[in-house]
C-alpha atoms as a PDB file:
ATOM      1  CA  UNK A   1    -209.318  -8.783 -50.103  1.00  0.00           C
ATOM      2  CA  UNK A   2    -210.420 -10.583 -52.667  1.00  0.00           C
ATOM      3  CA  UNK A   3    -211.914  -8.567 -55.492  1.00  0.00           C
ATOM      4  CA  UNK A   4    -211.770  -8.270 -59.219  1.00  0.00           C
ATOM      5  CA  UNK A   5    -209.884  -6.261 -61.790  1.00  0.00           C
ATOM      6  CA  UNK A   6    -212.468  -3.453 -61.711  1.00  0.00           C
ATOM      7  CA  UNK A   7    -211.724  -2.676 -58.047  1.00  0.00           C
ATOM      8  CA  UNK A   8    -209.020  -0.254 -57.015  1.00  0.00           C
ATOM      9  CA  UNK A   9    -206.661  -0.960 -54.143  1.00  0.00           C
ATOM     10  CA  UNK A  10    -204.477   0.960 -51.720  1.00  0.00           C
ATOM     11  CA  UNK A  11    -201.491  -0.150 -49.667  1.00  0.00           C
ATOM     12  CA  UNK A  12    -202.292  -0.596 -45.952  1.00  0.00           C
ATOM     13  CA  UNK A  13    -200.480  -1.621 -42.765  1.00  0.00           C
ATOM     14  CA  UNK A  14    -197.060  -0.443 -43.968  1.00  0.00           C
ATOM     15  CA  UNK A  15    -195.051   1.955 -41.775  1.00  0.00           C
ATOM     16  CA  UNK A  16    -194.172   5.416 -43.041  1.00  0.00           C
ATOM     17  CA  UNK A  17    -190.477   4.585 -43.280  1.00  0.00           C
ATOM     18  CA  UNK A  18    -191.069   1.270 -45.067  1.00  0.00           C
ATOM     19  CA  UNK A  19    -192.332   0.054 -48.462  1.00  0.00           C
ATOM     20  CA  UNK A  20    -194.379  -2.842 -49.815  1.00  0.00           C
ATOM     21  CA  UNK A  21    -192.176  -5.121 -51.867  1.00  0.00           C
ATOM     22  CA  UNK A  22    -193.406  -6.241 -55.282  1.00  0.00           C
ATOM     23  CA  UNK A  23    -191.947  -9.609 -56.248  1.00  0.00           C
ATOM     24  CA  UNK A  24    -191.429 -11.444 -59.517  1.00  0.00           C
ATOM     25  CA  UNK A  25    -193.518 -14.419 -58.358  1.00  0.00           C
ATOM     26  CA  UNK A  26    -195.790 -15.125 -55.371  1.00  0.00           C
ATOM     27  CA  UNK A  27    -193.770 -15.674 -52.192  1.00  0.00           C
ATOM     28  CA  UNK A  28    -190.986 -13.957 -50.286  1.00  0.00           C
ATOM     29  CA  UNK A  29    -188.298 -16.176 -51.809  1.00  0.00           C
ATOM     30  CA  UNK A  30    -188.658 -14.509 -55.203  1.00  0.00           C
ATOM     31  CA  UNK A  31    -186.732 -11.407 -56.345  1.00  0.00           C
ATOM     32  CA  UNK A  32    -188.038  -7.907 -55.609  1.00  0.00           C
ATOM     33  CA  UNK A  33    -188.960  -6.178 -58.870  1.00  0.00           C
ATOM     34  CA  UNK A  34    -190.338  -2.962 -57.390  1.00  0.00           C
ATOM     35  CA  UNK A  35    -191.651  -1.243 -54.277  1.00  0.00           C
ATOM     36  CA  UNK A  36    -194.794   0.664 -53.336  1.00  0.00           C
ATOM     37  CA  UNK A  37    -194.802   3.525 -50.779  1.00  0.00           C
ATOM     38  CA  UNK A  38    -197.154   3.068 -47.786  1.00  0.00           C
ATOM     39  CA  UNK A  39    -199.662   5.596 -49.166  1.00  0.00           C
ATOM     40  CA  UNK A  40    -199.864   4.107 -52.693  1.00  0.00           C
ATOM     41  CA  UNK A  41    -203.252   3.716 -54.329  1.00  0.00           C
ATOM     42  CA  UNK A  42    -204.657   3.238 -57.822  1.00  0.00           C
ATOM     43  CA  UNK A  43    -203.382  -0.335 -57.682  1.00  0.00           C
ATOM     44  CA  UNK A  44    -205.161  -2.841 -59.920  1.00  0.00           C
ATOM     45  CA  UNK A  45    -205.276  -6.606 -59.876  1.00  0.00           C
ATOM     46  CA  UNK A  46    -203.780  -8.229 -62.952  1.00  0.00           C
ATOM     47  CA  UNK A  47    -205.139 -11.759 -62.525  1.00  0.00           C
ATOM     48  CA  UNK A  48    -206.029 -14.496 -60.063  1.00  0.00           C
ATOM     49  CA  UNK A  49    -204.173 -14.907 -56.790  1.00  0.00           C
ATOM     50  CA  UNK A  50    -202.152 -17.835 -55.491  1.00  0.00           C
ATOM     51  CA  UNK A  51    -201.722 -19.093 -51.933  1.00  0.00           C
ATOM     52  CA  UNK A  52    -198.168 -19.546 -50.682  1.00  0.00           C
ATOM     53  CA  UNK A  53    -197.496 -20.665 -47.095  1.00  0.00           C
ATOM     54  CA  UNK A  54    -201.007 -19.660 -46.069  1.00  0.00           C
ATOM     55  CA  UNK A  55    -200.855 -16.155 -47.573  1.00  0.00           C
ATOM     56  CA  UNK A  56    -202.783 -15.023 -50.632  1.00  0.00           C
ATOM     57  CA  UNK A  57    -200.508 -13.369 -53.187  1.00  0.00           C
ATOM     58  CA  UNK A  58    -201.968 -11.398 -56.066  1.00  0.00           C
ATOM     59  CA  UNK A  59    -200.551 -10.025 -59.312  1.00  0.00           C
ATOM     60  CA  UNK A  60    -200.809  -6.241 -59.474  1.00  0.00           C
ATOM     61  CA  UNK A  61    -199.978  -3.319 -61.677  1.00  0.00           C
ATOM     62  CA  UNK A  62    -199.307   0.202 -60.493  1.00  0.00           C
ATOM     63  CA  UNK A  63    -198.053   2.727 -63.024  1.00  0.00           C
ATOM     64  CA  UNK A  64    -194.940   1.079 -64.501  1.00  0.00           C
ATOM     65  CA  UNK A  65    -194.677  -1.536 -61.750  1.00  0.00           C
ATOM     66  CA  UNK A  66    -196.018  -5.069 -62.208  1.00  0.00           C
ATOM     67  CA  UNK A  67    -195.507  -8.134 -60.041  1.00  0.00           C
ATOM     68  CA  UNK A  68    -196.879  -9.955 -57.000  1.00  0.00           C
ATOM     69  CA  UNK A  69    -197.701  -8.695 -53.500  1.00  0.00           C
ATOM     70  CA  UNK A  70    -199.091 -10.211 -50.326  1.00  0.00           C
ATOM     71  CA  UNK A  71    -202.801  -9.314 -50.421  1.00  0.00           C
ATOM     72  CA  UNK A  72    -202.930  -8.686 -46.667  1.00  0.00           C
ATOM     73  CA  UNK A  73    -201.223  -5.355 -47.424  1.00  0.00           C
ATOM     74  CA  UNK A  74    -203.944  -4.204 -49.807  1.00  0.00           C
ATOM     75  CA  UNK A  75    -207.441  -2.849 -49.223  1.00  0.00           C
ATOM     76  CA  UNK A  76    -210.129  -1.763 -51.642  1.00  0.00           C
ATOM     77  CA  UNK A  77    -210.629   1.967 -51.770  1.00  0.00           C
ATOM     78  CA  UNK A  78    -213.079   4.554 -53.012  1.00  0.00           C
ATOM     79  CA  UNK A  79    -212.747   8.274 -53.608  1.00  0.00           C
ATOM     80  CA  UNK A  80    -209.604  10.227 -54.276  1.00  0.00           C
ATOM     81  CA  UNK A  81    -207.095  12.385 -52.399  1.00  0.00           C
ATOM     82  CA  UNK A  82    -203.632  13.690 -53.127  1.00  0.00           C
ATOM     83  CA  UNK A  83    -200.480  12.074 -51.777  1.00  0.00           C
ATOM     84  CA  UNK A  84    -200.193  15.095 -49.472  1.00  0.00           C
ATOM     85  CA  UNK A  85    -203.200  13.709 -47.541  1.00  0.00           C
ATOM     86  CA  UNK A  86    -202.870   9.972 -48.194  1.00  0.00           C
ATOM     87  CA  UNK A  87    -199.321   9.930 -46.791  1.00  0.00           C
ATOM     88  CA  UNK A  88    -200.009  11.472 -43.348  1.00  0.00           C
ATOM     89  CA  UNK A  89    -203.212   9.423 -43.057  1.00  0.00           C
ATOM     90  CA  UNK A  90    -201.273   6.192 -43.606  1.00  0.00           C
ATOM     91  CA  UNK A  91    -198.663   7.320 -41.099  1.00  0.00           C
ATOM     92  CA  UNK A  92    -201.292   8.358 -38.578  1.00  0.00           C
ATOM     93  CA  UNK A  93    -203.198   5.056 -38.505  1.00  0.00           C
ATOM     94  CA  UNK A  94    -199.943   3.167 -37.978  1.00  0.00           C
ATOM     95  CA  UNK A  95    -199.013   5.584 -35.160  1.00  0.00           C
ATOM     96  CA  UNK A  96    -202.358   4.896 -33.465  1.00  0.00           C
ATOM     97  CA  UNK A  97    -201.834   1.167 -33.867  1.00  0.00           C
ATOM     98  CA  UNK A  98    -198.448   1.307 -32.150  1.00  0.00           C
ATOM     99  CA  UNK A  99    -199.329   4.026 -29.607  1.00  0.00           C
ATOM    100  CA  UNK A 100    -196.626   6.194 -31.163  1.00  0.00           C
ATOM    101  CA  UNK A 101    -197.313   9.528 -29.479  1.00  0.00           C
ATOM    102  CA  UNK A 102    -194.220  11.194 -30.957  1.00  0.00           C
ATOM    103  CA  UNK A 103    -195.302  10.589 -34.551  1.00  0.00           C
ATOM    104  CA  UNK A 104    -198.902  11.457 -33.772  1.00  0.00           C
ATOM    105  CA  UNK A 105    -197.856  14.742 -32.140  1.00  0.00           C
ATOM    106  CA  UNK A 106    -195.929  15.684 -35.274  1.00  0.00           C
ATOM    107  CA  UNK A 107    -199.015  15.052 -37.419  1.00  0.00           C
ATOM    108  CA  UNK A 108    -201.450  17.053 -35.247  1.00  0.00           C
ATOM    109  CA  UNK A 109    -202.406  20.590 -36.283  1.00  0.00           C
ATOM    110  CA  UNK A 110    -200.036  23.000 -34.476  1.00  0.00           C
ATOM    111  CA  UNK A 111    -202.755  25.554 -33.784  1.00  0.00           C
ATOM    112  CA  UNK A 112    -206.063  23.701 -33.615  1.00  0.00           C
ATOM    113  CA  UNK A 113    -204.944  20.453 -32.003  1.00  0.00           C
ATOM    114  CA  UNK A 114    -206.989  17.310 -32.559  1.00  0.00           C
ATOM    115  CA  UNK A 115    -210.594  16.579 -31.562  1.00  0.00           C
ATOM    116  CA  UNK A 116    -211.666  13.076 -30.517  1.00  0.00           C
ATOM    117  CA  UNK A 117    -215.249  12.023 -31.308  1.00  0.00           C
ATOM    118  CA  UNK A 118    -216.536   8.635 -30.065  1.00  0.00           C
ATOM    119  CA  UNK A 119    -219.389   8.550 -32.601  1.00  0.00           C
ATOM    120  CA  UNK A 120    -220.161   9.985 -36.042  1.00  0.00           C
ATOM    121  CA  UNK A 121    -221.792  13.142 -34.667  1.00  0.00           C
ATOM    122  CA  UNK A 122    -219.021  15.606 -33.809  1.00  0.00           C
ATOM    123  CA  UNK A 123    -220.077  17.653 -30.784  1.00  0.00           C
ATOM    124  CA  UNK A 124    -218.954  21.278 -31.019  1.00  0.00           C
ATOM    125  CA  UNK A 125    -221.976  23.177 -29.678  1.00  0.00           C
ATOM    126  CA  UNK A 126    -221.460  25.389 -26.597  1.00  0.00           C
ATOM    127  CA  UNK A 127    -222.816  23.940 -23.383  1.00  0.00           C
ATOM    128  CA  UNK A 128    -221.947  22.682 -19.918  1.00  0.00           C
ATOM    129  CA  UNK A 129    -218.717  20.767 -19.248  1.00  0.00           C
ATOM    130  CA  UNK A 130    -218.712  17.556 -21.262  1.00  0.00           C
ATOM    131  CA  UNK A 131    -221.034  18.886 -23.953  1.00  0.00           C
ATOM    132  CA  UNK A 132    -218.264  19.134 -26.538  1.00  0.00           C
ATOM    133  CA  UNK A 133    -215.852  16.517 -27.830  1.00  0.00           C
ATOM    134  CA  UNK A 134    -212.438  16.852 -26.242  1.00  0.00           C
ATOM    135  CA  UNK A 135    -209.614  18.632 -28.061  1.00  0.00           C
ATOM    136  CA  UNK A 136    -205.936  18.171 -27.204  1.00  0.00           C
ATOM    137  CA  UNK A 137    -202.883  20.010 -28.459  1.00  0.00           C
ATOM    138  CA  UNK A 138    -199.907  18.255 -30.028  1.00  0.00           C
ATOM    139  CA  UNK A 139    -197.847  18.957 -26.912  1.00  0.00           C
ATOM    140  CA  UNK A 140    -200.427  17.243 -24.679  1.00  0.00           C
ATOM    141  CA  UNK A 141    -200.496  13.934 -26.548  1.00  0.00           C
ATOM    142  CA  UNK A 142    -197.322  12.453 -25.076  1.00  0.00           C
ATOM    143  CA  UNK A 143    -198.644  12.717 -21.527  1.00  0.00           C
ATOM    144  CA  UNK A 144    -202.088  11.497 -22.594  1.00  0.00           C
ATOM    145  CA  UNK A 145    -200.930   8.065 -23.722  1.00  0.00           C
ATOM    146  CA  UNK A 146    -199.490   7.083 -20.355  1.00  0.00           C
ATOM    147  CA  UNK A 147    -201.500   9.366 -18.099  1.00  0.00           C
ATOM    148  CA  UNK A 148    -203.884   8.159 -15.353  1.00  0.00           C
ATOM    149  CA  UNK A 149    -206.336  11.048 -15.772  1.00  0.00           C
ATOM    150  CA  UNK A 150    -209.933  10.029 -16.407  1.00  0.00           C
ATOM    151  CA  UNK A 151    -211.750  12.267 -18.908  1.00  0.00           C
ATOM    152  CA  UNK A 152    -215.397  12.672 -19.795  1.00  0.00           C
ATOM    153  CA  UNK A 153    -215.652  11.895 -23.538  1.00  0.00           C
ATOM    154  CA  UNK A 154    -219.433  11.957 -23.942  1.00  0.00           C
ATOM    155  CA  UNK A 155    -222.094   9.310 -23.432  1.00  0.00           C
ATOM    156  CA  UNK A 156    -222.370   5.670 -24.462  1.00  0.00           C
ATOM    157  CA  UNK A 157    -224.884   4.966 -27.184  1.00  0.00           C
ATOM    158  CA  UNK A 158    -227.852   2.978 -25.942  1.00  0.00           C
ATOM    159  CA  UNK A 159    -227.275   3.170 -22.190  1.00  0.00           C
ATOM    160  CA  UNK A 160    -226.630   6.915 -22.050  1.00  0.00           C
ATOM    161  CA  UNK A 161    -224.013   6.320 -19.381  1.00  0.00           C
ATOM    162  CA  UNK A 162    -221.070   8.741 -19.307  1.00  0.00           C
ATOM    163  CA  UNK A 163    -217.924   7.731 -21.172  1.00  0.00           C
ATOM    164  CA  UNK A 164    -215.395   8.294 -18.408  1.00  0.00           C
ATOM    165  CA  UNK A 165    -212.090   6.741 -19.384  1.00  0.00           C
ATOM    166  CA  UNK A 166    -208.367   7.357 -19.396  1.00  0.00           C
ATOM    167  CA  UNK A 167    -206.985   8.140 -22.830  1.00  0.00           C
ATOM    168  CA  UNK A 168    -205.543   4.633 -23.164  1.00  0.00           C
ATOM    169  CA  UNK A 169    -208.921   3.070 -22.331  1.00  0.00           C
ATOM    170  CA  UNK A 170    -210.659   5.463 -24.708  1.00  0.00           C
ATOM    171  CA  UNK A 171    -208.186   4.543 -27.451  1.00  0.00           C
ATOM    172  CA  UNK A 172    -208.952   0.836 -26.971  1.00  0.00           C
ATOM    173  CA  UNK A 173    -212.720   1.388 -27.177  1.00  0.00           C
ATOM    174  CA  UNK A 174    -213.275   4.447 -29.360  1.00  0.00           C
ATOM    175  CA  UNK A 175    -210.214   4.816 -31.573  1.00  0.00           C
ATOM    176  CA  UNK A 176    -208.393   1.569 -32.219  1.00  0.00           C
ATOM    177  CA  UNK A 177    -210.889  -1.085 -31.109  1.00  0.00           C
ATOM    178  CA  UNK A 178    -210.120  -3.126 -34.251  1.00  0.00           C
ATOM    179  CA  UNK A 179    -207.020  -3.189 -36.451  1.00  0.00           C
ATOM    180  CA  UNK A 180    -207.863  -0.180 -38.614  1.00  0.00           C
ATOM    181  CA  UNK A 181    -204.421  -0.308 -40.236  1.00  0.00           C
ATOM    182  CA  UNK A 182    -205.691  -3.419 -42.057  1.00  0.00           C
ATOM    183  CA  UNK A 183    -209.230  -2.418 -43.110  1.00  0.00           C
ATOM    184  CA  UNK A 184    -211.549  -3.938 -45.676  1.00  0.00           C
ATOM    185  CA  UNK A 185    -211.981  -0.597 -47.439  1.00  0.00           C
ATOM    186  CA  UNK A 186    -210.355   2.841 -47.368  1.00  0.00           C
ATOM    187  CA  UNK A 187    -212.449   5.893 -48.239  1.00  0.00           C
ATOM    188  CA  UNK A 188    -210.549   8.898 -49.526  1.00  0.00           C
ATOM    189  CA  UNK A 189    -212.908  11.778 -48.896  1.00  0.00           C
ATOM    190  CA  UNK A 190    -215.942   9.486 -49.056  1.00  0.00           C
ATOM    191  CA  UNK A 191    -218.080   8.189 -46.201  1.00  0.00           C
ATOM    192  CA  UNK A 192    -218.343   4.396 -46.225  1.00  0.00           C
ATOM    193  CA  UNK A 193    -219.972   3.519 -42.904  1.00  0.00           C
ATOM    194  CA  UNK A 194    -223.594   4.661 -42.723  1.00  0.00           C
ATOM    195  CA  UNK A 195    -225.544   4.269 -39.493  1.00  0.00           C
ATOM    196  CA  UNK A 196    -228.472   5.998 -37.844  1.00  0.00           C
ATOM    197  CA  UNK A 197    -226.356   8.661 -36.110  1.00  0.00           C
ATOM    198  CA  UNK A 198    -226.166  12.037 -37.843  1.00  0.00           C
ATOM    199  CA  UNK A 199    -222.839  12.400 -39.601  1.00  0.00           C
ATOM    200  CA  UNK A 200    -221.839  16.067 -39.549  1.00  0.00           C
ATOM    201  CA  UNK A 201    -218.181  15.750 -40.536  1.00  0.00           C
ATOM    202  CA  UNK A 202    -218.678  17.882 -43.658  1.00  0.00           C
ATOM    203  CA  UNK A 203    -220.302  20.680 -41.633  1.00  0.00           C
ATOM    204  CA  UNK A 204    -217.889  20.770 -38.702  1.00  0.00           C
ATOM    205  CA  UNK A 205    -214.807  20.320 -40.872  1.00  0.00           C
ATOM    206  CA  UNK A 206    -215.852  22.336 -43.901  1.00  0.00           C
ATOM    207  CA  UNK A 207    -212.264  23.103 -44.954  1.00  0.00           C
ATOM    208  CA  UNK A 208    -210.937  19.610 -44.318  1.00  0.00           C
ATOM    209  CA  UNK A 209    -210.508  16.265 -46.037  1.00  0.00           C
ATOM    210  CA  UNK A 210    -210.920  12.928 -44.280  1.00  0.00           C
ATOM    211  CA  UNK A 211    -209.707   9.390 -44.838  1.00  0.00           C
ATOM    212  CA  UNK A 212    -211.938   6.584 -43.578  1.00  0.00           C
ATOM    213  CA  UNK A 213    -210.704   3.128 -42.581  1.00  0.00           C
ATOM    214  CA  UNK A 214    -213.662   0.766 -42.668  1.00  0.00           C
ATOM    215  CA  UNK A 215    -214.544  -2.794 -41.706  1.00  0.00           C
ATOM    216  CA  UNK A 216    -217.693  -4.095 -43.388  1.00  0.00           C
ATOM    217  CA  UNK A 217    -218.444  -6.522 -40.545  1.00  0.00           C
ATOM    218  CA  UNK A 218    -217.008  -9.426 -38.606  1.00  0.00           C
ATOM    219  CA  UNK A 219    -219.697 -11.989 -37.758  1.00  0.00           C
ATOM    220  CA  UNK A 220    -221.953 -13.132 -40.632  1.00  0.00           C
ATOM    221  CA  UNK A 221    -224.932 -13.527 -38.294  1.00  0.00           C
ATOM    222  CA  UNK A 222    -225.061  -9.733 -37.863  1.00  0.00           C
ATOM    223  CA  UNK A 223    -225.317  -9.176 -41.630  1.00  0.00           C
ATOM    224  CA  UNK A 224    -222.981  -6.186 -41.639  1.00  0.00           C
ATOM    225  CA  UNK A 225    -224.495  -4.349 -38.684  1.00  0.00           C
ATOM    226  CA  UNK A 226    -221.246  -4.898 -36.770  1.00  0.00           C
ATOM    227  CA  UNK A 227    -219.313  -2.598 -39.147  1.00  0.00           C
ATOM    228  CA  UNK A 228    -216.789  -0.117 -37.771  1.00  0.00           C
ATOM    229  CA  UNK A 229    -215.041   2.954 -39.156  1.00  0.00           C
ATOM    230  CA  UNK A 230    -212.268   5.313 -38.153  1.00  0.00           C
ATOM    231  CA  UNK A 231    -212.166   8.714 -39.875  1.00  0.00           C
ATOM    232  CA  UNK A 232    -209.008  10.792 -39.758  1.00  0.00           C
ATOM    233  CA  UNK A 233    -209.661  14.433 -40.614  1.00  0.00           C
ATOM    234  CA  UNK A 234    -206.975  16.731 -42.033  1.00  0.00           C
ATOM    235  CA  UNK A 235    -206.774  20.489 -42.575  1.00  0.00           C
ATOM    236  CA  UNK A 236    -204.128  22.361 -44.521  1.00  0.00           C
ATOM    237  CA  UNK A 237    -201.839  24.895 -42.878  1.00  0.00           C
ATOM    238  CA  UNK A 238    -198.843  26.396 -44.639  1.00  0.00           C
ATOM    239  CA  UNK A 239    -198.946  23.814 -47.388  1.00  0.00           C
ATOM    240  CA  UNK A 240    -198.995  20.872 -44.930  1.00  0.00           C
ATOM    241  CA  UNK A 241    -202.033  18.731 -44.089  1.00  0.00           C
ATOM    242  CA  UNK A 242    -202.408  18.200 -40.335  1.00  0.00           C
ATOM    243  CA  UNK A 243    -204.653  15.946 -38.266  1.00  0.00           C
ATOM    244  CA  UNK A 244    -207.543  17.851 -36.656  1.00  0.00           C
ATOM    245  CA  UNK A 245    -210.101  15.126 -35.975  1.00  0.00           C
ATOM    246  CA  UNK A 246    -210.290  11.448 -35.002  1.00  0.00           C
ATOM    247  CA  UNK A 247    -213.840  10.153 -35.408  1.00  0.00           C
ATOM    248  CA  UNK A 248    -214.905   6.639 -34.456  1.00  0.00           C
ATOM    249  CA  UNK A 249    -218.091   5.296 -35.999  1.00  0.00           C
ATOM    250  CA  UNK A 250    -220.208   2.155 -35.685  1.00  0.00           C
ATOM    251  CA  UNK A 251    -223.840   1.094 -35.844  1.00  0.00           C
ATOM    252  CA  UNK A 252    -225.731   2.809 -33.041  1.00  0.00           C
ATOM    253  CA  UNK A 253    -229.123   2.168 -31.481  1.00  0.00           C
END
């Protein structure tokens, strides 16, 4: 974090069955005065932070709730989505973090399944085997996580070599290669990471809404060119928003 009072914040890295405790003073020894669900947003800072036992605590306000939270559970955000999308997105990124195939299967679209795209350009055009990004049904995900099968996911940027990996190896490189549950910024329906690869998410998923988890960079010497993003795409079916796309993005050559 840090930021200022004009920034807006969202809760991150909190499991779907948990809450973020808001305390009367900075530090876990102080009384809990409120809680924030894991998909909460529209949180504002109410003053300067204080360090307690190595953690930065900040005063916040959210609707009628005021108090102090550990800043490592907040990220700046842009855009806007309803709780009906923010909630499954928060649950989904935690499921990916913990390799929770059962939760992920429940979140995947029952008819369309989920498409995995290693880069910003989502490949859907007809062509020879390997020309399209791979799509898996909800029922296939459980076996994918532990399976030894090597799949062709596309081609590596730069070298042009085929991306031939098991699902677990693909997840480590092209889904959860950094801790996206604790991003710098969350984009609700807004693209944050901009590279030189065509981003066609709005065209391919014209009836969908996405949530982007974004890191602005890691090593100062790269001046932000080492940014990374994970976009989770949701479509509505029967009043429920389901996961239909997992798009990894980074600066490409």
